[in-house]
Amino acid sequence: MAAKSTTDRYGTVAVTIHWVTAAAILLLFGLGLAAANAPDPGVKLVLLRIHVPLGIAIFALTVFRIVWWFIDRRPRPLAGMPGWQVTAEGAVRLLIYALVLVLGASGIVLLLLSGAPAVLFFHTPGPLADFWSFPPMMAHYLAAFALIGLAALHVAAALYHQWIRRDHLLARMGVGRATPA
């Protein structure tokens, strides 16, 4: 598979970014929920020490992914796909990117406003601030659940194409064969 996409499939750069981002978002969601519900402040600290740098990395990777689309072309829509599905796919994709950017920005602003980096990374003594007392927390929380909802819709649509329509959509993302065996 080539680094750049072709008219029929995504290139290795796009495929790698997609799957790394997908796995990291699931991990980030789990870490965020676990940290929010951790009764032990020490456990919360450990979870956030993983969540924060991983979140910043995914934010940066998403910015790179957006820049990559100006360098790389996207494959053409699948043959026979109705126009409304092409439009819906594009809208969901843009919303997913927007939500990841909102999550990254709100998380960074939340860190800066709360003073959490000193406790998280520079071992300054003291408890973490109550993140809910800072406005970006609500945006971060709502964007996380919206992203998980859109990701579920995205996965459902991909599985519909793969197993109901049997149009081998996932082969474009490096999973399976492009044509039936």
Foldseek 3Di string as FASTA:
>chain_A
DAQAADQQAGHPVLLVLVVVLVVLLVLLLVLVVCLVPPPDQVSNLVSVLVNLVSLLVNLVSLVVVVVVCVVHPDHDDFPPDDPVVVVVVVVLVVLLSVLSNLLSVLSVVLCVVFVVCCVNPVVDDDGGDDSVVDVSVVSNVVSSVVNVVSVVVVVVVQCCCCPVVVCPVCVSSVPDDRDDD
